Every structure is written in C-alpha cells, then in structure tokens.
Amino acid sequence: MTKKVALYCRVSTGNQSTGLEAQVRALRDYCTRNNISDYVIYEDENQSGVKQSRPALDRMMKGIVTGK
C-alpha cells in the first residue's frame, strides 16, 4: 500500500491570503527537497485556530482515520 503525505495549512482571515500562499509554497518546496511526490495539501482560509471544527482539517483527519 502506497502512503500519501497529508499536509495542512491555515490562516485565520481572508486578509492573510498571501500567508496561505506562502505556507503552501513552503510545503511544496519541502516535498520537492525531500523527494516526496505523493501528497495532498489541505487549506483552511478564514478559520480561527480556536475553532473546534475546520473544514479542510476535518477532511484531512477523516481521510487519515479511513486510511485514505
């Protein structure tokens, strides 16, 4: 079974979209430098870190639990 790497990034406001782009770029660069080609990036924008539920994080965790 091939493993896929799950990566997560988040910003709390829409005004931080460049911050989200920077996080995604950094994650992709990390994967490139470490020869990781099978990955998926989950992104939450306008999601506070204190929220119990965040849509992309919830999808990522569900995928992990179900083995996807």
PDB file of N, CA and C in Angstrom:
ATOM      1  N   MET A   1       0.839  -1.182   0.000  1.00  0.00           N
ATOM      2  CA  MET A   1       0.000   0.000   0.000  1.00  0.00           C
ATOM      3  C   MET A   1       0.885   1.248   0.000  1.00  0.00           C
ATOM      4  N   THR A   2       0.633   2.138  -0.929  1.00  0.00           N
ATOM      5  CA  THR A   2       1.395   3.371  -1.026  1.00  0.00           C
ATOM      6  C   THR A   2       0.848   4.394  -0.054  1.00  0.00           C
ATOM      7  N   LYS A   3       1.739   5.045   0.666  1.00  0.00           N
ATOM      8  CA  LYS A   3       1.325   6.068   1.615  1.00  0.00           C
ATOM      9  C   LYS A   3       1.325   7.423   0.944  1.00  0.00           C
ATOM     10  N   LYS A   4       0.330   8.223   1.286  1.00  0.00           N
ATOM     11  CA  LYS A   4       0.250   9.594   0.809  1.00  0.00           C
ATOM     12  C   LYS A   4       0.475  10.500   2.004  1.00  0.00           C
ATOM     13  N   VAL A   5       1.225  11.561   1.800  1.00  0.00           N
ATOM     14  CA  VAL A   5       1.505  12.517   2.860  1.00  0.00           C
ATOM     15  C   VAL A   5       0.390  13.565   2.884  1.00  0.00           C
ATOM     16  N   ALA A   6      -0.163  13.804   4.062  1.00  0.00           N
ATOM     17  CA  ALA A   6      -1.201  14.822   4.243  1.00  0.00           C
ATOM     18  C   ALA A   6      -0.552  16.053   4.879  1.00  0.00           C
ATOM     19  N   LEU A   7      -0.754  17.200   4.250  1.00  0.00           N
ATOM     20  CA  LEU A   7      -0.179  18.465   4.718  1.00  0.00           C
ATOM     21  C   LEU A   7      -1.314  19.446   4.984  1.00  0.00           C
ATOM     22  N   TYR A   8      -1.167  20.253   6.021  1.00  0.00           N
ATOM     23  CA  TYR A   8      -2.247  21.170   6.394  1.00  0.00           C
ATOM     24  C   TYR A   8      -1.701  22.576   6.616  1.00  0.00           C
ATOM     25  N   CYS A   9      -2.426  23.560   6.100  1.00  0.00           N
ATOM     26  CA  CYS A   9      -2.082  24.950   6.367  1.00  0.00           C
ATOM     27  C   CYS A   9      -3.368  25.728   6.597  1.00  0.00           C
ATOM     28  N   ARG A  10      -3.244  26.833   7.348  1.00  0.00           N
ATOM     29  CA  ARG A  10      -4.423  27.597   7.749  1.00  0.00           C
ATOM     30  C   ARG A  10      -4.050  29.047   8.000  1.00  0.00           C
ATOM     31  N   VAL A  11      -4.969  29.925   7.648  1.00  0.00           N
ATOM     32  CA  VAL A  11      -4.898  31.320   8.069  1.00  0.00           C
ATOM     33  C   VAL A  11      -6.259  31.688   8.642  1.00  0.00           C
ATOM     34  N   SER A  12      -6.263  32.636   9.574  1.00  0.00           N
ATOM     35  CA  SER A  12      -7.496  32.945  10.275  1.00  0.00           C
ATOM     36  C   SER A  12      -8.358  33.999   9.590  1.00  0.00           C
ATOM     37  N   THR A  13      -7.792  34.770   8.671  1.00  0.00           N
ATOM     38  CA  THR A  13      -8.595  35.782   7.985  1.00  0.00           C
ATOM     39  C   THR A  13      -8.289  35.770   6.492  1.00  0.00           C
ATOM     40  N   GLY A  14      -9.255  36.247   5.715  1.00  0.00           N
ATOM     41  CA  GLY A  14      -9.054  36.350   4.276  1.00  0.00           C
ATOM     42  C   GLY A  14      -7.962  37.328   3.911  1.00  0.00           C
ATOM     43  N   ASN A  15      -7.668  38.269   4.825  1.00  0.00           N
ATOM     44  CA  ASN A  15      -6.609  39.253   4.579  1.00  0.00           C
ATOM     45  C   ASN A  15      -5.225  38.621   4.594  1.00  0.00           C
ATOM     46  N   GLN A  16      -5.141  37.378   5.016  1.00  0.00           N
ATOM     47  CA  GLN A  16      -3.854  36.695   5.112  1.00  0.00           C
ATOM     48  C   GLN A  16      -3.644  35.721   3.954  1.00  0.00           C
ATOM     49  N   SER A  17      -4.327  35.955   2.830  1.00  0.00           N
ATOM     50  CA  SER A  17      -4.233  35.005   1.716  1.00  0.00           C
ATOM     51  C   SER A  17      -2.797  34.824   1.247  1.00  0.00           C
ATOM     52  N   THR A  18      -1.995  35.893   1.302  1.00  0.00           N
ATOM     53  CA  THR A  18      -0.598  35.730   0.905  1.00  0.00           C
ATOM     54  C   THR A  18       0.137  34.840   1.899  1.00  0.00           C
ATOM     55  N   GLY A  19      -0.307  34.845   3.151  1.00  0.00           N
ATOM     56  CA  GLY A  19       0.268  33.943   4.149  1.00  0.00           C
ATOM     57  C   GLY A  19      -0.058  32.498   3.837  1.00  0.00           C
ATOM     58  N   LEU A  20      -1.276  32.264   3.367  1.00  0.00           N
ATOM     59  CA  LEU A  20      -1.671  30.914   2.980  1.00  0.00           C
ATOM     60  C   LEU A  20      -0.865  30.461   1.763  1.00  0.00           C
ATOM     61  N   GLU A  21      -0.721  31.346   0.801  1.00  0.00           N
ATOM     62  CA  GLU A  21       0.083  31.024  -0.384  1.00  0.00           C
ATOM     63  C   GLU A  21       1.525  30.711   0.005  1.00  0.00           C
ATOM     64  N   ALA A  22       2.069  31.468   0.935  1.00  0.00           N
ATOM     65  CA  ALA A  22       3.446  31.235   1.394  1.00  0.00           C
ATOM     66  C   ALA A  22       3.564  29.881   2.086  1.00  0.00           C
ATOM     67  N   GLN A  23       2.553  29.512   2.874  1.00  0.00           N
ATOM     68  CA  GLN A  23       2.580  28.215   3.550  1.00  0.00           C
ATOM     69  C   GLN A  23       2.540  27.073   2.532  1.00  0.00           C
ATOM     70  N   VAL A  24       1.647  27.209   1.546  1.00  0.00           N
ATOM     71  CA  VAL A  24       1.534  26.176   0.515  1.00  0.00           C
ATOM     72  C   VAL A  24       2.845  26.054  -0.254  1.00  0.00           C
ATOM     73  N   ARG A  25       3.420  27.174  -0.607  1.00  0.00           N
ATOM     74  CA  ARG A  25       4.704  27.176  -1.337  1.00  0.00           C
ATOM     75  C   ARG A  25       5.794  26.492  -0.501  1.00  0.00           C
ATOM     76  N   ALA A  26       5.834  26.806   0.786  1.00  0.00           N
ATOM     77  CA  ALA A  26       6.842  26.195   1.668  1.00  0.00           C
ATOM     78  C   ALA A  26       6.643  24.683   1.773  1.00  0.00           C
ATOM     79  N   LEU A  27       5.396  24.241   1.855  1.00  0.00           N
ATOM     80  CA  LEU A  27       5.122  22.805   1.935  1.00  0.00           C
ATOM     81  C   LEU A  27       5.520  22.099   0.635  1.00  0.00           C
ATOM     82  N   ARG A  28       5.201  22.705  -0.504  1.00  0.00           N
ATOM     83  CA  ARG A  28       5.590  22.111  -1.788  1.00  0.00           C
ATOM     84  C   ARG A  28       7.104  22.065  -1.928  1.00  0.00           C
ATOM     85  N   ASP A  29       7.774  23.138  -1.533  1.00  0.00           N
ATOM     86  CA  ASP A  29       9.234  23.159  -1.590  1.00  0.00           C
ATOM     87  C   ASP A  29       9.832  22.067  -0.709  1.00  0.00           C
ATOM     88  N   TYR A  30       9.273  21.894   0.486  1.00  0.00           N
ATOM     89  CA  TYR A  30       9.741  20.848   1.397  1.00  0.00           C
ATOM     90  C   TYR A  30       9.612  19.478   0.736  1.00  0.00           C
ATOM     91  N   CYS A  31       8.459  19.234   0.130  1.00  0.00           N
ATOM     92  CA  CYS A  31       8.238  17.944  -0.525  1.00  0.00           C
ATOM     93  C   CYS A  31       9.211  17.736  -1.670  1.00  0.00           C
ATOM     94  N   THR A  32       9.443  18.760  -2.440  1.00  0.00           N
ATOM     95  CA  THR A  32      10.391  18.660  -3.551  1.00  0.00           C
ATOM     96  C   THR A  32      11.788  18.335  -3.038  1.00  0.00           C
ATOM     97  N   ARG A  33      12.237  19.076  -2.016  1.00  0.00           N
ATOM     98  CA  ARG A  33      13.578  18.852  -1.455  1.00  0.00           C
ATOM     99  C   ARG A  33      13.744  17.463  -0.868  1.00  0.00           C
ATOM    100  N   ASN A  34      12.652  16.872  -0.392  1.00  0.00           N
ATOM    101  CA  ASN A  34      12.721  15.572   0.273  1.00  0.00           C
ATOM    102  C   ASN A  34      12.164  14.431  -0.583  1.00  0.00           C
ATOM    103  N   ASN A  35      12.049  14.689  -1.893  1.00  0.00           N
ATOM    104  CA  ASN A  35      11.587  13.664  -2.839  1.00  0.00           C
ATOM    105  C   ASN A  35      10.245  13.051  -2.455  1.00  0.00           C
ATOM    106  N   ILE A  36       9.356  13.875  -1.960  1.00  0.00           N
ATOM    107  CA  ILE A  36       8.001  13.439  -1.627  1.00  0.00           C
ATOM    108  C   ILE A  36       7.107  13.887  -2.783  1.00  0.00           C
ATOM    109  N   SER A  37       6.558  12.932  -3.490  1.00  0.00           N
ATOM    110  CA  SER A  37       5.750  13.290  -4.652  1.00  0.00           C
ATOM    111  C   SER A  37       4.267  12.959  -4.470  1.00  0.00           C
ATOM    112  N   ASP A  38       3.958  12.098  -3.544  1.00  0.00           N
ATOM    113  CA  ASP A  38       2.569  11.693  -3.339  1.00  0.00           C
ATOM    114  C   ASP A  38       2.027  12.379  -2.084  1.00  0.00           C
ATOM    115  N   TYR A  39       1.475  13.566  -2.276  1.00  0.00           N
ATOM    116  CA  TYR A  39       0.964  14.330  -1.138  1.00  0.00           C
ATOM    117  C   TYR A  39      -0.285  15.090  -1.531  1.00  0.00           C
ATOM    118  N   VAL A  40      -1.023  15.487  -0.525  1.00  0.00           N
ATOM    119  CA  VAL A  40      -2.192  16.338  -0.729  1.00  0.00           C
ATOM    120  C   VAL A  40      -2.138  17.449   0.325  1.00  0.00           C
ATOM    121  N   ILE A  41      -2.427  18.664  -0.121  1.00  0.00           N
ATOM    122  CA  ILE A  41      -2.397  19.811   0.784  1.00  0.00           C
ATOM    123  C   ILE A  41      -3.825  20.234   1.086  1.00  0.00           C
ATOM    124  N   TYR A  42      -4.138  20.300   2.355  1.00  0.00           N
ATOM    125  CA  TYR A  42      -5.442  20.761   2.817  1.00  0.00           C
ATOM    126  C   TYR A  42      -5.278  22.195   3.299  1.00  0.00           C
ATOM    127  N   GLU A  43      -6.163  23.082   2.833  1.00  0.00           N
ATOM    128  CA  GLU A  43      -6.048  24.501   3.161  1.00  0.00           C
ATOM    129  C   GLU A  43      -7.333  25.023   3.778  1.00  0.00           C
ATOM    130  N   ASP A  44      -7.205  25.709   4.897  1.00  0.00           N
ATOM    131  CA  ASP A  44      -8.329  26.399   5.527  1.00  0.00           C
ATOM    132  C   ASP A  44      -8.036  27.887   5.545  1.00  0.00           C
ATOM    133  N   GLU A  45      -8.929  28.660   4.961  1.00  0.00           N
ATOM    134  CA  GLU A  45      -8.816  30.116   4.981  1.00  0.00           C
ATOM    135  C   GLU A  45     -10.008  30.660   5.755  1.00  0.00           C
ATOM    136  N   ASN A  46      -9.794  31.734   6.495  1.00  0.00           N
ATOM    137  CA  ASN A  46     -10.838  32.325   7.354  1.00  0.00           C
ATOM    138  C   ASN A  46     -11.268  31.356   8.449  1.00  0.00           C
ATOM    139  N   GLN A  47     -10.328  30.601   8.975  1.00  0.00           N
ATOM    140  CA  GLN A  47     -10.635  29.628  10.026  1.00  0.00           C
ATOM    141  C   GLN A  47      -9.734  29.872  11.227  1.00  0.00           C
ATOM    142  N   SER A  48     -10.332  30.256  12.319  1.00  0.00           N
ATOM    143  CA  SER A  48      -9.583  30.512  13.542  1.00  0.00           C
ATOM    144  C   SER A  48      -9.016  29.211  14.099  1.00  0.00           C
ATOM    145  N   GLY A  49      -7.859  29.304  14.709  1.00  0.00           N
ATOM    146  CA  GLY A  49      -7.245  28.139  15.324  1.00  0.00           C
ATOM    147  C   GLY A  49      -7.972  27.658  16.564  1.00  0.00           C
ATOM    148  N   VAL A  50      -8.837  28.494  17.130  1.00  0.00           N
ATOM    149  CA  VAL A  50      -9.562  28.084  18.332  1.00  0.00           C
ATOM    150  C   VAL A  50     -10.853  27.351  18.005  1.00  0.00           C
ATOM    151  N   LYS A  51     -11.238  27.348  16.729  1.00  0.00           N
ATOM    152  CA  LYS A  51     -12.460  26.635  16.328  1.00  0.00           C
ATOM    153  C   LYS A  51     -12.274  25.145  16.539  1.00  0.00           C
ATOM    154  N   GLN A  52     -13.314  24.511  17.011  1.00  0.00           N
ATOM    155  CA  GLN A  52     -13.302  23.067  17.214  1.00  0.00           C
ATOM    156  C   GLN A  52     -13.266  22.334  15.876  1.00  0.00           C
ATOM    157  N   SER A  53     -13.969  22.888  14.892  1.00  0.00           N
ATOM    158  CA  SER A  53     -14.079  22.239  13.594  1.00  0.00           C
ATOM    159  C   SER A  53     -13.601  23.183  12.497  1.00  0.00           C
ATOM    160  N   ARG A  54     -12.745  22.663  11.629  1.00  0.00           N
ATOM    161  CA  ARG A  54     -12.268  23.405  10.459  1.00  0.00           C
ATOM    162  C   ARG A  54     -12.427  22.491   9.258  1.00  0.00           C
ATOM    163  N   PRO A  55     -13.104  22.957   8.187  1.00  0.00           N
ATOM    164  CA  PRO A  55     -13.470  22.067   7.074  1.00  0.00           C
ATOM    165  C   PRO A  55     -12.321  21.248   6.488  1.00  0.00           C
ATOM    166  N   ALA A  56     -11.229  21.875   6.113  1.00  0.00           N
ATOM    167  CA  ALA A  56     -10.128  21.123   5.488  1.00  0.00           C
ATOM    168  C   ALA A  56      -9.450  20.200   6.492  1.00  0.00           C
ATOM    169  N   LEU A  57      -9.274  20.668   7.709  1.00  0.00           N
ATOM    170  CA  LEU A  57      -8.673  19.825   8.745  1.00  0.00           C
ATOM    171  C   LEU A  57      -9.564  18.612   9.014  1.00  0.00           C
ATOM    172  N   ASP A  58     -10.871  18.842   9.059  1.00  0.00           N
ATOM    173  CA  ASP A  58     -11.807  17.734   9.275  1.00  0.00           C
ATOM    174  C   ASP A  58     -11.717  16.706   8.144  1.00  0.00           C
ATOM    175  N   ARG A  59     -11.633  17.183   6.877  1.00  0.00           N
ATOM    176  CA  ARG A  59     -11.495  16.263   5.737  1.00  0.00           C
ATOM    177  C   ARG A  59     -10.192  15.480   5.824  1.00  0.00           C
ATOM    178  N   MET A  60      -9.115  16.169   6.198  1.00  0.00           N
ATOM    179  CA  MET A  60      -7.828  15.502   6.312  1.00  0.00           C
ATOM    180  C   MET A  60      -7.889  14.414   7.384  1.00  0.00           C
ATOM    181  N   MET A  61      -8.425  14.750   8.528  1.00  0.00           N
ATOM    182  CA  MET A  61      -8.481  13.777   9.627  1.00  0.00           C
ATOM    183  C   MET A  61      -9.394  12.600   9.278  1.00  0.00           C
ATOM    184  N   LYS A  62     -10.489  12.872   8.586  1.00  0.00           N
ATOM    185  CA  LYS A  62     -11.377  11.781   8.161  1.00  0.00           C
ATOM    186  C   LYS A  62     -10.641  10.856   7.205  1.00  0.00           C
ATOM    187  N   GLY A  63      -9.858  11.439   6.279  1.00  0.00           N
ATOM    188  CA  GLY A  63      -9.078  10.625   5.361  1.00  0.00           C
ATOM    189  C   GLY A  63      -8.047   9.771   6.069  1.00  0.00           C
ATOM    190  N   ILE A  64      -7.452  10.318   7.102  1.00  0.00           N
ATOM    191  CA  ILE A  64      -6.457   9.574   7.884  1.00  0.00           C
ATOM    192  C   ILE A  64      -7.125   8.404   8.599  1.00  0.00           C
ATOM    193  N   VAL A  65      -8.251   8.678   9.248  1.00  0.00           N
ATOM    194  CA  VAL A  65      -8.967   7.635  10.003  1.00  0.00           C
ATOM    195  C   VAL A  65      -9.435   6.509   9.080  1.00  0.00           C
ATOM    196  N   THR A  66      -9.890   6.871   7.868  1.00  0.00           N
ATOM    197  CA  THR A  66     -10.398   5.857   6.950  1.00  0.00           C
ATOM    198  C   THR A  66      -9.296   5.226   6.092  1.00  0.00           C
ATOM    199  N   GLY A  67      -8.057   5.657   6.285  1.00  0.00           N
ATOM    200  CA  GLY A  67      -6.934   5.055   5.571  1.00  0.00           C
ATOM    201  C   GLY A  67      -6.716   5.567   4.164  1.00  0.00           C
ATOM    202  N   LYS A  68      -7.300   6.713   3.849  1.00  0.00           N
ATOM    203  CA  LYS A  68      -7.113   7.287   2.521  1.00  0.00           C
ATOM    204  C   LYS A  68      -5.942   8.222   2.535  1.00  0.00           C
TER     205      LYS A  68
END
